[in-house]
Amino acid sequence: MFRSRRRFELGHIQEVDIHWPLIGRLIGVCTLRVSVAGSSARLAYLGAEQAQLLRAEIRRHMAAPAGQQVSRPAFTGELLSVPGRMLAQAILLDARTMTRVLKAVALGFVPYLLLGEPLALLSLAGSLGWVWRMTAGRWPALYGWTVTALQGGYRIDHGMLERQHTTLRHERIQAVLITQPVLWRRRDWVTVSVALPGQAGLTTLAPVATRHQAEDLVERLWGATAVEAVRTRAPAPQRARWVTARSRVLSAVVLPGYAAVRRGLFLRSVVHVWPTAKVQQVAVEQGPWQRRWGLASVDIAASGGPHPVARHRDAGEAAQLAEALRAESRRGPTAVARG
């Protein structure tokens, strides 16, 4: 009864993904999702061969943004595959997830403790569903997670019951965040997320990976200088401990073409790395308590993704850091050669 027609310019398309719901996999059909800035369209009930041919044809016409230098990796093939056992251990050892689970279970018992009636335990049923989604429910959704290098991007495949295929173009990645929960530190596991323009949250590139694998993904995306920015530590001055308990974790470094800040406390640490060419505004901020100790923070507004902040630096160092970021941003994008 109702029909609609939508038209997208091929040069404006940002992503082309294939989604395989459980029923669709049984009958051999899937959904093709085409995304542009702020909008998307779905083509449902396509055969597997038809969807793959259409996706390949759209990708062939997808153009990089004008004036942007984009590096293509010479290698194409599988970069990362997350084993099921490693994924299960990572979910169980995520301290933040476990804290939320314990909180949900505790809240489910509150009515029973207050009323003393066994029927009050029925309130726990609602919490159990949320607990399932945060723990065991995540495993089938993330099962079989693989990252494959393509010409100009990455392809992410995952899912046990509902298989999903997502493509990330290199030029759309604005920043990379490497996160390490406290219980993963012994194994040196991390989560790799990327910031994309037009999206409020982060997109997961790898739900769990070794640090070597994470650095390999960054190197294939932006080159060795970006990896050096991730590895380099430039800690805050010792007097910053009078301003924040996180002073030992904080770090900020600017290298030719790339910059990185490090933050976190007990539950998790985060390394935020991004190309300096994407910096749009830099501001040096200094509160009254920071002035007392000769400290300042550098607030960086970059295109897409969360804004990084170099917190509690020496006031003179903060001014130099801000000037270095402004100078690097005026240089424009850095071309990266890969073998």
C-alpha atoms as a PDB file:
ATOM      1  CA  MET A   1       0.000   0.000   0.000  1.00  0.00           C
ATOM      2  CA  PHE A   2       2.875   2.357   0.808  1.00  0.00           C
ATOM      3  CA  ARG A   3       5.977   2.780  -1.318  1.00  0.00           C
ATOM      4  CA  SER A   4       9.012   4.976  -0.795  1.00  0.00           C
ATOM      5  CA  ARG A   5      12.030   5.809  -2.912  1.00  0.00           C
ATOM      6  CA  ARG A   6      15.337   7.129  -1.625  1.00  0.00           C
ATOM      7  CA  ARG A   7      18.354   8.240  -3.596  1.00  0.00           C
ATOM      8  CA  PHE A   8      21.978   8.453  -2.414  1.00  0.00           C
ATOM      9  CA  GLU A   9      24.974   9.899  -4.219  1.00  0.00           C
ATOM     10  CA  LEU A  10      27.583   7.155  -4.505  1.00  0.00           C
ATOM     11  CA  GLY A  11      30.330   9.545  -3.410  1.00  0.00           C
ATOM     12  CA  HIS A  12      28.439  10.311  -0.172  1.00  0.00           C
ATOM     13  CA  ILE A  13      28.003   6.702   0.940  1.00  0.00           C
ATOM     14  CA  GLN A  14      30.041   5.961   4.048  1.00  0.00           C
ATOM     15  CA  GLU A  15      29.309   2.330   4.861  1.00  0.00           C
ATOM     16  CA  VAL A  16      27.771  -0.715   3.209  1.00  0.00           C
ATOM     17  CA  ASP A  17      27.033  -3.581   5.598  1.00  0.00           C
ATOM     18  CA  ILE A  18      25.329  -6.968   5.382  1.00  0.00           C
ATOM     19  CA  HIS A  19      23.218  -8.288   8.256  1.00  0.00           C
ATOM     20  CA  TRP A  20      22.265 -11.954   8.520  1.00  0.00           C
ATOM     21  CA  PRO A  21      19.414 -12.504  11.036  1.00  0.00           C
ATOM     22  CA  LEU A  22      18.882 -16.041  12.305  1.00  0.00           C
ATOM     23  CA  ILE A  23      15.743 -16.684  10.241  1.00  0.00           C
ATOM     24  CA  GLY A  24      17.377 -15.119   7.202  1.00  0.00           C
ATOM     25  CA  ARG A  25      20.326 -17.487   7.466  1.00  0.00           C
ATOM     26  CA  LEU A  26      17.931 -20.451   7.514  1.00  0.00           C
ATOM     27  CA  ILE A  27      16.121 -19.383   4.344  1.00  0.00           C
ATOM     28  CA  GLY A  28      19.141 -17.829   2.591  1.00  0.00           C
ATOM     29  CA  VAL A  29      18.298 -14.105   2.632  1.00  0.00           C
ATOM     30  CA  CYS A  30      19.966 -11.086   4.229  1.00  0.00           C
ATOM     31  CA  THR A  31      19.686  -7.308   4.602  1.00  0.00           C
ATOM     32  CA  LEU A  32      21.979  -4.758   2.966  1.00  0.00           C
ATOM     33  CA  ARG A  33      22.364  -1.489   4.908  1.00  0.00           C
ATOM     34  CA  VAL A  34      23.638   1.638   3.139  1.00  0.00           C
ATOM     35  CA  SER A  35      24.704   4.524   5.401  1.00  0.00           C
ATOM     36  CA  VAL A  36      25.372   8.177   4.672  1.00  0.00           C
ATOM     37  CA  ALA A  37      25.898  11.033   7.128  1.00  0.00           C
ATOM     38  CA  GLY A  38      22.866  11.097   9.424  1.00  0.00           C
ATOM     39  CA  SER A  39      20.768   8.619   7.438  1.00  0.00           C
ATOM     40  CA  SER A  40      20.638   5.019   6.270  1.00  0.00           C
ATOM     41  CA  ALA A  41      18.547   2.723   4.105  1.00  0.00           C
ATOM     42  CA  ARG A  42      17.971  -1.027   4.173  1.00  0.00           C
ATOM     43  CA  LEU A  43      17.426  -3.457   1.318  1.00  0.00           C
ATOM     44  CA  ALA A  44      15.854  -6.572   2.805  1.00  0.00           C
ATOM     45  CA  TYR A  45      15.274 -10.102   1.505  1.00  0.00           C
ATOM     46  CA  LEU A  46      18.305 -10.178  -0.785  1.00  0.00           C
ATOM     47  CA  GLY A  47      20.012 -13.410  -1.693  1.00  0.00           C
ATOM     48  CA  ALA A  48      23.589 -13.876  -0.482  1.00  0.00           C
ATOM     49  CA  GLU A  49      25.171 -13.607  -3.940  1.00  0.00           C
ATOM     50  CA  GLN A  50      22.971 -10.664  -4.903  1.00  0.00           C
ATOM     51  CA  ALA A  51      23.846  -8.752  -1.705  1.00  0.00           C
ATOM     52  CA  GLN A  52      27.583  -9.372  -2.074  1.00  0.00           C
ATOM     53  CA  LEU A  53      27.609  -8.304  -5.716  1.00  0.00           C
ATOM     54  CA  LEU A  54      25.644  -5.148  -4.908  1.00  0.00           C
ATOM     55  CA  ARG A  55      27.940  -4.332  -1.988  1.00  0.00           C
ATOM     56  CA  ALA A  56      31.029  -4.808  -4.160  1.00  0.00           C
ATOM     57  CA  GLU A  57      29.583  -2.572  -6.879  1.00  0.00           C
ATOM     58  CA  ILE A  58      28.734   0.202  -4.402  1.00  0.00           C
ATOM     59  CA  ARG A  59      32.183  -0.010  -2.831  1.00  0.00           C
ATOM     60  CA  ARG A  60      33.766   0.315  -6.253  1.00  0.00           C
ATOM     61  CA  HIS A  61      32.086   3.694  -6.701  1.00  0.00           C
ATOM     62  CA  MET A  62      32.620   4.964  -3.176  1.00  0.00           C
ATOM     63  CA  ALA A  63      35.037   7.898  -3.367  1.00  0.00           C
ATOM     64  CA  ALA A  64      37.251   9.284  -0.642  1.00  0.00           C
ATOM     65  CA  PRO A  65      36.520  12.834   0.548  1.00  0.00           C
ATOM     66  CA  ALA A  66      38.018  15.485  -1.682  1.00  0.00           C
ATOM     67  CA  GLY A  67      41.418  16.830  -0.656  1.00  0.00           C
ATOM     68  CA  GLN A  68      42.135  14.048   1.801  1.00  0.00           C
ATOM     69  CA  GLN A  69      45.192  11.839   1.414  1.00  0.00           C
ATOM     70  CA  VAL A  70      44.290   8.270   2.157  1.00  0.00           C
ATOM     71  CA  SER A  71      46.836   5.465   2.464  1.00  0.00           C
ATOM     72  CA  ARG A  72      45.997   1.983   1.253  1.00  0.00           C
ATOM     73  CA  PRO A  73      47.568  -1.059   2.871  1.00  0.00           C
ATOM     74  CA  ALA A  74      49.349  -3.448   0.546  1.00  0.00           C
ATOM     75  CA  PHE A  75      48.208  -6.429   2.610  1.00  0.00           C
ATOM     76  CA  THR A  76      44.634  -7.662   2.326  1.00  0.00           C
ATOM     77  CA  GLY A  77      43.467 -10.564   4.443  1.00  0.00           C
ATOM     78  CA  GLU A  78      42.582 -11.520   7.994  1.00  0.00           C
ATOM     79  CA  LEU A  79      44.265  -9.368  10.638  1.00  0.00           C
ATOM     80  CA  LEU A  80      42.574 -10.522  13.819  1.00  0.00           C
ATOM     81  CA  SER A  81      40.403 -13.405  14.966  1.00  0.00           C
ATOM     82  CA  VAL A  82      39.142 -13.550  18.557  1.00  0.00           C
ATOM     83  CA  PRO A  83      38.988 -17.133  19.918  1.00  0.00           C
ATOM     84  CA  GLY A  84      35.748 -18.037  21.716  1.00  0.00           C
ATOM     85  CA  ARG A  85      37.570 -19.010  24.913  1.00  0.00           C
ATOM     86  CA  MET A  86      39.476 -15.722  25.031  1.00  0.00           C
ATOM     87  CA  LEU A  87      36.231 -13.808  24.473  1.00  0.00           C
ATOM     88  CA  ALA A  88      34.494 -15.645  27.331  1.00  0.00           C
ATOM     89  CA  GLN A  89      37.378 -14.959  29.708  1.00  0.00           C
ATOM     90  CA  ALA A  90      37.449 -11.307  28.711  1.00  0.00           C
ATOM     91  CA  ILE A  91      33.730 -10.877  29.427  1.00  0.00           C
ATOM     92  CA  LEU A  92      34.041 -12.518  32.843  1.00  0.00           C
ATOM     93  CA  LEU A  93      37.119 -10.461  33.749  1.00  0.00           C
ATOM     94  CA  ASP A  94      35.620  -7.091  32.804  1.00  0.00           C
ATOM     95  CA  ALA A  95      35.470  -5.446  36.247  1.00  0.00           C
ATOM     96  CA  ARG A  96      32.993  -2.764  35.192  1.00  0.00           C
ATOM     97  CA  THR A  97      30.593  -5.357  33.821  1.00  0.00           C
ATOM     98  CA  MET A  98      30.881  -7.432  36.993  1.00  0.00           C
ATOM     99  CA  THR A  99      30.208  -4.350  39.120  1.00  0.00           C
ATOM    100  CA  ARG A 100      27.029  -3.646  37.187  1.00  0.00           C
ATOM    101  CA  VAL A 101      25.944  -7.270  37.453  1.00  0.00           C
ATOM    102  CA  LEU A 102      26.424  -7.314  41.224  1.00  0.00           C
ATOM    103  CA  LYS A 103      24.516  -4.051  41.487  1.00  0.00           C
ATOM    104  CA  ALA A 104      21.597  -5.456  39.477  1.00  0.00           C
ATOM    105  CA  VAL A 105      21.464  -8.644  41.563  1.00  0.00           C
ATOM    106  CA  ALA A 106      21.621  -6.654  44.806  1.00  0.00           C
ATOM    107  CA  LEU A 107      18.757  -4.400  43.697  1.00  0.00           C
ATOM    108  CA  GLY A 108      16.725  -7.497  42.855  1.00  0.00           C
ATOM    109  CA  PHE A 109      17.020  -8.714  46.468  1.00  0.00           C
ATOM    110  CA  VAL A 110      16.100  -5.370  48.049  1.00  0.00           C
ATOM    111  CA  PRO A 111      12.285  -5.953  47.950  1.00  0.00           C
ATOM    112  CA  TYR A 112      12.756  -9.393  49.561  1.00  0.00           C
ATOM    113  CA  LEU A 113      14.940  -7.973  52.319  1.00  0.00           C
ATOM    114  CA  LEU A 114      12.456  -5.185  53.022  1.00  0.00           C
ATOM    115  CA  LEU A 115       9.233  -7.228  52.817  1.00  0.00           C
ATOM    116  CA  GLY A 116      10.434 -10.675  53.887  1.00  0.00           C
ATOM    117  CA  GLU A 117       8.096 -12.335  51.379  1.00  0.00           C
ATOM    118  CA  PRO A 118       9.415 -15.012  49.007  1.00  0.00           C
ATOM    119  CA  LEU A 119       7.167 -13.638  46.246  1.00  0.00           C
ATOM    120  CA  ALA A 120       9.181 -10.438  46.388  1.00  0.00           C
ATOM    121  CA  LEU A 121      12.031 -12.377  44.783  1.00  0.00           C
ATOM    122  CA  LEU A 122      10.074 -12.127  41.520  1.00  0.00           C
ATOM    123  CA  SER A 123      11.541  -8.643  41.207  1.00  0.00           C
ATOM    124  CA  LEU A 124      14.855 -10.395  40.646  1.00  0.00           C
ATOM    125  CA  ALA A 125      13.572 -11.728  37.305  1.00  0.00           C
ATOM    126  CA  GLY A 126      13.858  -8.307  35.685  1.00  0.00           C
ATOM    127  CA  SER A 127      17.434  -7.966  36.880  1.00  0.00           C
ATOM    128  CA  LEU A 128      18.353 -11.436  35.615  1.00  0.00           C
ATOM    129  CA  GLY A 129      17.487 -10.469  32.039  1.00  0.00           C
ATOM    130  CA  TRP A 130      19.805  -7.476  32.252  1.00  0.00           C
ATOM    131  CA  VAL A 131      22.523  -9.629  33.837  1.00  0.00           C
ATOM    132  CA  TRP A 132      22.219 -12.095  30.953  1.00  0.00           C
ATOM    133  CA  ARG A 133      22.639  -9.339  28.350  1.00  0.00           C
ATOM    134  CA  MET A 134      25.732  -7.987  30.112  1.00  0.00           C
ATOM    135  CA  THR A 135      27.452 -11.391  30.455  1.00  0.00           C
ATOM    136  CA  ALA A 136      26.440 -14.558  28.623  1.00  0.00           C
ATOM    137  CA  GLY A 137      24.276 -12.625  26.154  1.00  0.00           C
ATOM    138  CA  ARG A 138      27.314 -10.751  24.861  1.00  0.00           C
ATOM    139  CA  TRP A 139      29.196 -13.922  23.949  1.00  0.00           C
ATOM    140  CA  PRO A 140      27.012 -15.101  21.020  1.00  0.00           C
ATOM    141  CA  ALA A 141      26.774 -11.510  19.720  1.00  0.00           C
ATOM    142  CA  LEU A 142      30.592 -11.143  19.670  1.00  0.00           C
ATOM    143  CA  TYR A 143      31.415 -14.764  18.803  1.00  0.00           C
ATOM    144  CA  GLY A 144      33.581 -15.317  15.731  1.00  0.00           C
ATOM    145  CA  TRP A 145      34.852 -11.730  15.694  1.00  0.00           C
ATOM    146  CA  THR A 146      37.291 -11.256  12.833  1.00  0.00           C
ATOM    147  CA  VAL A 147      38.890  -8.144  11.342  1.00  0.00           C
ATOM    148  CA  THR A 148      39.928  -8.346   7.692  1.00  0.00           C
ATOM    149  CA  ALA A 149      42.044  -5.793   5.822  1.00  0.00           C
ATOM    150  CA  LEU A 150      40.485  -4.526   2.597  1.00  0.00           C
ATOM    151  CA  GLN A 151      41.657  -2.006   0.049  1.00  0.00           C
ATOM    152  CA  GLY A 152      40.971   1.245   1.904  1.00  0.00           C
ATOM    153  CA  GLY A 153      39.342  -0.159   5.000  1.00  0.00           C
ATOM    154  CA  TYR A 154      38.526  -2.963   7.393  1.00  0.00           C
ATOM    155  CA  ARG A 155      35.725  -5.522   7.388  1.00  0.00           C
ATOM    156  CA  ILE A 156      34.369  -6.759  10.725  1.00  0.00           C
ATOM    157  CA  ASP A 157      32.457 -10.058  10.902  1.00  0.00           C
ATOM    158  CA  HIS A 158      30.843 -11.348  14.077  1.00  0.00           C
ATOM    159  CA  GLY A 159      27.830 -13.127  15.556  1.00  0.00           C
ATOM    160  CA  MET A 160      26.809 -16.705  16.231  1.00  0.00           C
ATOM    161  CA  LEU A 161      23.058 -16.626  15.662  1.00  0.00           C
ATOM    162  CA  GLU A 162      22.846 -13.343  13.768  1.00  0.00           C
ATOM    163  CA  ARG A 163      25.891 -12.793  11.569  1.00  0.00           C
ATOM    164  CA  GLN A 164      26.879  -9.203  10.829  1.00  0.00           C
ATOM    165  CA  HIS A 165      29.379  -7.795   8.342  1.00  0.00           C
ATOM    166  CA  THR A 166      30.508  -4.190   8.852  1.00  0.00           C
ATOM    167  CA  THR A 167      32.934  -2.154   6.732  1.00  0.00           C
ATOM    168  CA  LEU A 168      35.006   0.731   8.104  1.00  0.00           C
ATOM    169  CA  ARG A 169      36.731   3.011   5.621  1.00  0.00           C
ATOM    170  CA  HIS A 170      40.120   4.307   6.704  1.00  0.00           C
ATOM    171  CA  GLU A 171      39.371   7.956   5.954  1.00  0.00           C
ATOM    172  CA  ARG A 172      36.301   7.879   8.222  1.00  0.00           C
ATOM    173  CA  ILE A 173      38.257   6.835  11.314  1.00  0.00           C
ATOM    174  CA  GLN A 174      38.873   9.988  13.338  1.00  0.00           C
ATOM    175  CA  ALA A 175      40.529   8.510  16.437  1.00  0.00           C
ATOM    176  CA  VAL A 176      41.463   5.201  18.054  1.00  0.00           C
ATOM    177  CA  LEU A 177      40.917   4.411  21.744  1.00  0.00           C
ATOM    178  CA  ILE A 178      42.739   1.490  23.365  1.00  0.00           C
ATOM    179  CA  THR A 179      41.091   0.530  26.665  1.00  0.00           C
ATOM    180  CA  GLN A 180      42.417  -1.904  29.265  1.00  0.00           C
ATOM    181  CA  PRO A 181      40.243  -3.017  32.214  1.00  0.00           C
ATOM    182  CA  VAL A 182      42.112  -3.669  35.437  1.00  0.00           C
ATOM    183  CA  LEU A 183      41.603  -7.465  35.395  1.00  0.00           C
ATOM    184  CA  TRP A 184      42.987  -7.683  31.851  1.00  0.00           C
ATOM    185  CA  ARG A 185      46.363  -6.193  32.751  1.00  0.00           C
ATOM    186  CA  ARG A 186      47.952  -9.482  33.756  1.00  0.00           C
ATOM    187  CA  ARG A 187      47.205 -10.902  30.292  1.00  0.00           C
ATOM    188  CA  ASP A 188      47.869  -7.508  28.633  1.00  0.00           C
ATOM    189  CA  TRP A 189      44.544  -7.594  26.766  1.00  0.00           C
ATOM    190  CA  VAL A 190      42.845  -4.467  25.445  1.00  0.00           C
ATOM    191  CA  THR A 191      39.730  -3.317  23.624  1.00  0.00           C
ATOM    192  CA  VAL A 192      40.183  -1.282  20.434  1.00  0.00           C
ATOM    193  CA  SER A 193      37.479   1.250  19.542  1.00  0.00           C
ATOM    194  CA  VAL A 194      37.313   3.892  16.815  1.00  0.00           C
ATOM    195  CA  ALA A 195      35.494   7.205  16.548  1.00  0.00           C
ATOM    196  CA  LEU A 196      33.527   7.844  13.361  1.00  0.00           C
ATOM    197  CA  PRO A 197      32.001  11.140  12.187  1.00  0.00           C
ATOM    198  CA  GLY A 198      28.272  11.519  12.742  1.00  0.00           C
ATOM    199  CA  GLN A 199      28.141   8.891  15.503  1.00  0.00           C
ATOM    200  CA  ALA A 200      27.729   9.793  19.165  1.00  0.00           C
ATOM    201  CA  GLY A 201      29.322   6.634  20.523  1.00  0.00           C
ATOM    202  CA  LEU A 202      32.380   4.591  19.661  1.00  0.00           C
ATOM    203  CA  THR A 203      32.533   1.680  17.220  1.00  0.00           C
ATOM    204  CA  THR A 204      34.308  -1.473  18.379  1.00  0.00           C
ATOM    205  CA  LEU A 205      37.144  -2.587  16.143  1.00  0.00           C
ATOM    206  CA  ALA A 206      38.230  -5.436  18.440  1.00  0.00           C
ATOM    207  CA  PRO A 207      36.321  -6.409  21.622  1.00  0.00           C
ATOM    208  CA  VAL A 208      39.464  -8.050  23.014  1.00  0.00           C
ATOM    209  CA  ALA A 209      42.967  -8.298  21.587  1.00  0.00           C
ATOM    210  CA  THR A 210      46.538  -8.556  22.748  1.00  0.00           C
ATOM    211  CA  ARG A 211      48.453  -5.294  22.906  1.00  0.00           C
ATOM    212  CA  HIS A 212      50.596  -6.422  19.981  1.00  0.00           C
ATOM    213  CA  GLN A 213      47.475  -7.012  17.868  1.00  0.00           C
ATOM    214  CA  ALA A 214      46.063  -3.617  18.852  1.00  0.00           C
ATOM    215  CA  GLU A 215      49.267  -1.841  17.896  1.00  0.00           C
ATOM    216  CA  ASP A 216      49.333  -3.757  14.611  1.00  0.00           C
ATOM    217  CA  LEU A 217      45.843  -2.463  13.788  1.00  0.00           C
ATOM    218  CA  VAL A 218      46.952   1.097  14.553  1.00  0.00           C
ATOM    219  CA  GLU A 219      50.115   0.704  12.473  1.00  0.00           C
ATOM    220  CA  ARG A 220      48.224  -0.611   9.462  1.00  0.00           C
ATOM    221  CA  LEU A 221      45.824   2.302   9.766  1.00  0.00           C
ATOM    222  CA  TRP A 222      48.198   5.219  10.358  1.00  0.00           C
ATOM    223  CA  GLY A 223      51.764   3.919  10.380  1.00  0.00           C
ATOM    224  CA  ALA A 224      54.629   3.517  12.842  1.00  0.00           C
ATOM    225  CA  THR A 225      54.490   7.104  14.146  1.00  0.00           C
ATOM    226  CA  ALA A 226      50.995   6.538  15.529  1.00  0.00           C
ATOM    227  CA  VAL A 227      52.200   3.385  17.324  1.00  0.00           C
ATOM    228  CA  GLU A 228      55.102   5.374  18.777  1.00  0.00           C
ATOM    229  CA  ALA A 229      52.588   7.928  20.086  1.00  0.00           C
ATOM    230  CA  VAL A 230      50.657   5.087  21.763  1.00  0.00           C
ATOM    231  CA  ARG A 231      53.772   3.645  23.395  1.00  0.00           C
ATOM    232  CA  THR A 232      55.395   6.921  24.489  1.00  0.00           C
ATOM    233  CA  ARG A 233      54.664   8.110  28.027  1.00  0.00           C
ATOM    234  CA  ALA A 234      55.050  11.748  29.063  1.00  0.00           C
ATOM    235  CA  PRO A 235      53.699  11.730  32.632  1.00  0.00           C
ATOM    236  CA  ALA A 236      52.263  14.704  34.459  1.00  0.00           C
ATOM    237  CA  PRO A 237      54.575  16.454  36.967  1.00  0.00           C
ATOM    238  CA  GLN A 238      54.737  14.988  40.458  1.00  0.00           C
ATOM    239  CA  ARG A 239      52.950  17.953  42.026  1.00  0.00           C
ATOM    240  CA  ALA A 240      49.845  16.996  40.023  1.00  0.00           C
ATOM    241  CA  ARG A 241      49.157  14.396  42.733  1.00  0.00           C
ATOM    242  CA  TRP A 242      47.825  17.270  44.871  1.00  0.00           C
ATOM    243  CA  VAL A 243      45.198  17.987  42.207  1.00  0.00           C
ATOM    244  CA  THR A 244      44.110  14.483  41.155  1.00  0.00           C
ATOM    245  CA  ALA A 245      44.615  10.873  42.245  1.00  0.00           C
ATOM    246  CA  ARG A 246      45.161   9.926  38.584  1.00  0.00           C
ATOM    247  CA  SER A 247      48.431  11.834  38.225  1.00  0.00           C
ATOM    248  CA  ARG A 248      50.535   8.675  37.715  1.00  0.00           C
ATOM    249  CA  VAL A 249      48.363   7.527  34.823  1.00  0.00           C
ATOM    250  CA  LEU A 250      48.051  10.811  32.936  1.00  0.00           C
ATOM    251  CA  SER A 251      50.218  11.274  29.860  1.00  0.00           C
ATOM    252  CA  ALA A 252      50.246  13.470  26.750  1.00  0.00           C
ATOM    253  CA  VAL A 253      52.555  13.393  23.731  1.00  0.00           C
ATOM    254  CA  VAL A 254      52.630  15.130  20.338  1.00  0.00           C
ATOM    255  CA  LEU A 255      54.638  13.628  17.463  1.00  0.00           C
ATOM    256  CA  PRO A 256      54.798  14.607  13.786  1.00  0.00           C
ATOM    257  CA  GLY A 257      51.331  13.827  12.443  1.00  0.00           C
ATOM    258  CA  TYR A 258      49.859  12.141  15.547  1.00  0.00           C
ATOM    259  CA  ALA A 259      49.143  12.812  19.210  1.00  0.00           C
ATOM    260  CA  ALA A 260      48.019  10.677  22.153  1.00  0.00           C
ATOM    261  CA  VAL A 261      46.726  11.196  25.675  1.00  0.00           C
ATOM    262  CA  ARG A 262      46.446   8.615  28.415  1.00  0.00           C
ATOM    263  CA  ARG A 263      43.899   8.647  31.238  1.00  0.00           C
ATOM    264  CA  GLY A 264      42.242   6.304  33.723  1.00  0.00           C
ATOM    265  CA  LEU A 265      42.487   5.260  37.332  1.00  0.00           C
ATOM    266  CA  PHE A 266      41.776   1.841  38.852  1.00  0.00           C
ATOM    267  CA  LEU A 267      39.079   0.080  36.835  1.00  0.00           C
ATOM    268  CA  ARG A 268      40.468   0.872  33.390  1.00  0.00           C
ATOM    269  CA  SER A 269      43.084   2.867  31.500  1.00  0.00           C
ATOM    270  CA  VAL A 270      42.484   4.491  28.114  1.00  0.00           C
ATOM    271  CA  VAL A 271      44.937   5.613  25.417  1.00  0.00           C
ATOM    272  CA  HIS A 272      43.405   8.054  22.916  1.00  0.00           C
ATOM    273  CA  VAL A 273      45.392   8.557  19.689  1.00  0.00           C
ATOM    274  CA  TRP A 274      44.380  10.689  16.704  1.00  0.00           C
ATOM    275  CA  PRO A 275      45.904  12.459  13.645  1.00  0.00           C
ATOM    276  CA  THR A 276      46.875  16.025  14.467  1.00  0.00           C
ATOM    277  CA  ALA A 277      45.475  17.102  11.081  1.00  0.00           C
ATOM    278  CA  LYS A 278      41.988  16.558  12.530  1.00  0.00           C
ATOM    279  CA  VAL A 279      42.507  19.062  15.359  1.00  0.00           C
ATOM    280  CA  GLN A 280      40.096  21.978  14.952  1.00  0.00           C
ATOM    281  CA  GLN A 281      40.606  23.962  18.140  1.00  0.00           C
ATOM    282  CA  VAL A 282      43.036  23.960  21.059  1.00  0.00           C
ATOM    283  CA  ALA A 283      42.423  25.731  24.379  1.00  0.00           C
ATOM    284  CA  VAL A 284      44.563  25.955  27.510  1.00  0.00           C
ATOM    285  CA  GLU A 285      42.435  25.902  30.670  1.00  0.00           C
ATOM    286  CA  GLN A 286      43.552  26.575  34.228  1.00  0.00           C
ATOM    287  CA  GLY A 287      41.382  26.365  37.328  1.00  0.00           C
ATOM    288  CA  PRO A 288      42.181  28.094  40.643  1.00  0.00           C
ATOM    289  CA  TRP A 289      43.601  24.942  42.258  1.00  0.00           C
ATOM    290  CA  GLN A 290      45.683  24.248  39.158  1.00  0.00           C
ATOM    291  CA  ARG A 291      47.021  27.820  39.305  1.00  0.00           C
ATOM    292  CA  ARG A 292      48.070  27.197  42.890  1.00  0.00           C
ATOM    293  CA  TRP A 293      50.325  24.349  41.708  1.00  0.00           C
ATOM    294  CA  GLY A 294      51.384  25.819  38.364  1.00  0.00           C
ATOM    295  CA  LEU A 295      49.361  23.336  36.288  1.00  0.00           C
ATOM    296  CA  ALA A 296      47.040  23.635  33.292  1.00  0.00           C
ATOM    297  CA  SER A 297      44.988  21.378  31.000  1.00  0.00           C
ATOM    298  CA  VAL A 298      44.867  21.394  27.206  1.00  0.00           C
ATOM    299  CA  ASP A 299      41.383  20.850  25.743  1.00  0.00           C
ATOM    300  CA  ILE A 300      41.552  19.579  22.145  1.00  0.00           C
ATOM    301  CA  ALA A 301      38.535  19.758  19.851  1.00  0.00           C
ATOM    302  CA  ALA A 302      39.045  17.228  17.068  1.00  0.00           C
ATOM    303  CA  SER A 303      36.676  16.313  14.256  1.00  0.00           C
ATOM    304  CA  GLY A 304      34.516  13.348  15.250  1.00  0.00           C
ATOM    305  CA  GLY A 305      34.627  11.325  18.425  1.00  0.00           C
ATOM    306  CA  PRO A 306      35.238  12.350  22.049  1.00  0.00           C
ATOM    307  CA  HIS A 307      37.411  15.390  22.708  1.00  0.00           C
ATOM    308  CA  PRO A 308      40.796  14.434  24.172  1.00  0.00           C
ATOM    309  CA  VAL A 309      42.115  16.450  27.121  1.00  0.00           C
ATOM    310  CA  ALA A 310      45.737  16.608  28.288  1.00  0.00           C
ATOM    311  CA  ARG A 311      45.060  17.104  31.980  1.00  0.00           C
ATOM    312  CA  HIS A 312      47.200  18.672  34.692  1.00  0.00           C
ATOM    313  CA  ARG A 313      50.348  19.437  32.718  1.00  0.00           C
ATOM    314  CA  ASP A 314      52.959  21.941  33.819  1.00  0.00           C
ATOM    315  CA  ALA A 315      51.655  25.396  32.782  1.00  0.00           C
ATOM    316  CA  GLY A 316      54.633  26.070  30.527  1.00  0.00           C
ATOM    317  CA  GLU A 317      54.457  22.590  29.020  1.00  0.00           C
ATOM    318  CA  ALA A 318      50.708  23.024  28.398  1.00  0.00           C
ATOM    319  CA  ALA A 319      51.365  26.192  26.378  1.00  0.00           C
ATOM    320  CA  GLN A 320      54.056  24.408  24.348  1.00  0.00           C
ATOM    321  CA  LEU A 321      51.780  21.397  23.830  1.00  0.00           C
ATOM    322  CA  ALA A 322      48.966  23.635  22.560  1.00  0.00           C
ATOM    323  CA  GLU A 323      51.308  25.452  20.178  1.00  0.00           C
ATOM    324  CA  ALA A 324      52.692  22.145  18.875  1.00  0.00           C
ATOM    325  CA  LEU A 325      49.168  20.885  18.188  1.00  0.00           C
ATOM    326  CA  ARG A 326      48.273  24.087  16.320  1.00  0.00           C
ATOM    327  CA  ALA A 327      51.428  23.834  14.230  1.00  0.00           C
ATOM    328  CA  GLU A 328      50.803  20.152  13.438  1.00  0.00           C
ATOM    329  CA  SER A 329      47.176  20.800  12.495  1.00  0.00           C
ATOM    330  CA  ARG A 330      48.286  23.417   9.959  1.00  0.00           C
ATOM    331  CA  ARG A 331      50.582  20.882   8.272  1.00  0.00           C
ATOM    332  CA  GLY A 332      47.612  18.851   7.092  1.00  0.00           C
ATOM    333  CA  PRO A 333      47.293  15.057   6.754  1.00  0.00           C
ATOM    334  CA  THR A 334      50.393  12.895   6.694  1.00  0.00           C
ATOM    335  CA  ALA A 335      50.744  10.298   3.965  1.00  0.00           C
ATOM    336  CA  VAL A 336      51.802   6.889   5.278  1.00  0.00           C
ATOM    337  CA  ALA A 337      53.738   4.412   3.168  1.00  0.00           C
ATOM    338  CA  ARG A 338      53.120   0.731   3.860  1.00  0.00           C
ATOM    339  CA  GLY A 339      54.804  -2.336   2.616  1.00  0.00           C
END
